[in-house]
Amino acid sequence: MSCKSHKRSAAKTPTVEQIQAHDLLDIAALCIVVGGTKPVSKATVYRLVKSGRLPPPIHVSPNIRRWVRGAVVSAMTSGTA
């Protein structure tokens, strides 16, 4: 079997409406929320967390981290992000 016969569904970038509908953000959604029209990189998000400008993530499981949307929005509106 060739690689072309296995089609993977491409992960679609969530829209702002979809992001606002959830209380927990994954790293991809957080990059969009923080960056706006030009999403920031994952490294930038972790730098902002390390500097205290964004809240730390919640560890849902050993390999899954999520951010609380309200805390992120609060940090951004207070001018820390």
Protein backbone atom coordinates (compact mmCIF):
# COMPACT_ATOMS: atom_id res chain seq x y z
CA MET A 1 0.00 0.00 0.00
CA SER A 2 1.33 3.40 -0.87
CA CYS A 3 1.25 6.37 1.46
CA LYS A 4 -1.16 8.13 -0.85
CA SER A 5 -3.89 5.59 -0.16
CA HIS A 6 -3.98 6.56 3.50
CA LYS A 7 -5.71 9.89 3.75
CA ARG A 8 -5.57 11.76 7.00
CA SER A 9 -8.11 14.39 7.72
CA ALA A 10 -6.38 17.71 8.06
CA ALA A 11 -6.98 19.36 11.42
CA LYS A 12 -8.92 22.52 10.77
CA THR A 13 -8.08 25.72 12.59
CA PRO A 14 -10.91 26.57 14.99
CA THR A 15 -12.88 29.73 14.42
CA VAL A 16 -13.25 32.44 17.05
CA GLU A 17 -16.86 31.36 17.63
CA GLN A 18 -15.74 27.79 18.33
CA ILE A 19 -13.00 28.99 20.67
CA GLN A 20 -15.42 31.16 22.63
CA ALA A 21 -17.80 28.23 23.04
CA HIS A 22 -15.30 26.25 25.13
CA ASP A 23 -14.02 26.92 28.61
CA LEU A 24 -10.67 25.14 28.10
CA LEU A 25 -8.24 26.04 25.30
CA ASP A 26 -5.62 23.76 23.81
CA ILE A 27 -2.30 25.17 22.62
CA ALA A 28 -3.50 25.70 19.03
CA ALA A 29 -6.57 27.66 20.14
CA LEU A 30 -4.51 29.64 22.63
CA CYS A 31 -2.05 30.64 19.89
CA ILE A 32 -5.00 32.06 17.93
CA VAL A 33 -6.56 33.84 20.92
CA VAL A 34 -3.28 35.46 21.96
CA GLY A 35 -2.13 36.34 18.44
CA GLY A 36 -5.42 37.48 16.96
CA THR A 37 -5.20 37.72 13.18
CA LYS A 38 -1.62 36.43 13.24
CA PRO A 39 -1.40 33.44 15.63
CA VAL A 40 1.68 33.29 17.83
CA SER A 41 3.93 30.23 18.06
CA LYS A 42 3.78 27.60 20.79
CA ALA A 43 7.18 28.78 21.99
CA THR A 44 5.83 32.31 22.42
CA VAL A 45 2.93 31.00 24.51
CA TYR A 46 5.28 29.12 26.82
CA ARG A 47 7.54 32.18 27.11
CA LEU A 48 4.53 34.27 28.12
CA VAL A 49 3.58 31.66 30.73
CA LYS A 50 7.14 31.56 32.08
CA SER A 51 7.25 35.35 32.36
CA GLY A 52 3.89 35.41 34.17
CA ARG A 53 2.07 37.28 31.42
CA LEU A 54 -0.24 34.28 30.78
CA PRO A 55 -1.65 31.91 33.39
CA PRO A 56 -0.12 28.44 33.64
CA PRO A 57 -1.94 25.55 31.97
CA ILE A 58 -3.99 22.92 33.74
CA HIS A 59 -2.54 19.44 33.36
CA VAL A 60 -5.53 17.36 32.25
CA SER A 61 -3.32 14.28 31.91
CA PRO A 62 0.46 13.77 31.78
CA ASN A 63 0.62 14.88 28.13
CA ILE A 64 -2.40 17.16 27.84
CA ARG A 65 -2.44 20.77 28.95
CA ARG A 66 -5.32 23.23 28.69
CA TRP A 67 -5.75 26.87 29.60
CA VAL A 68 -8.87 28.31 31.21
CA ARG A 69 -10.32 30.75 28.70
CA GLY A 70 -11.52 33.20 31.33
CA ALA A 71 -8.07 33.43 32.93
CA VAL A 72 -6.42 33.99 29.55
CA VAL A 73 -8.90 36.71 28.56
CA SER A 74 -8.49 38.32 31.97
CA ALA A 75 -4.68 38.34 31.62
CA MET A 76 -4.92 39.80 28.14
CA THR A 77 -7.35 42.56 29.10
CA SER A 78 -5.33 43.53 32.14
CA GLY A 79 -2.41 44.24 29.82
CA THR A 80 -0.17 41.47 31.05
CA ALA A 81 -0.21 39.47 27.80
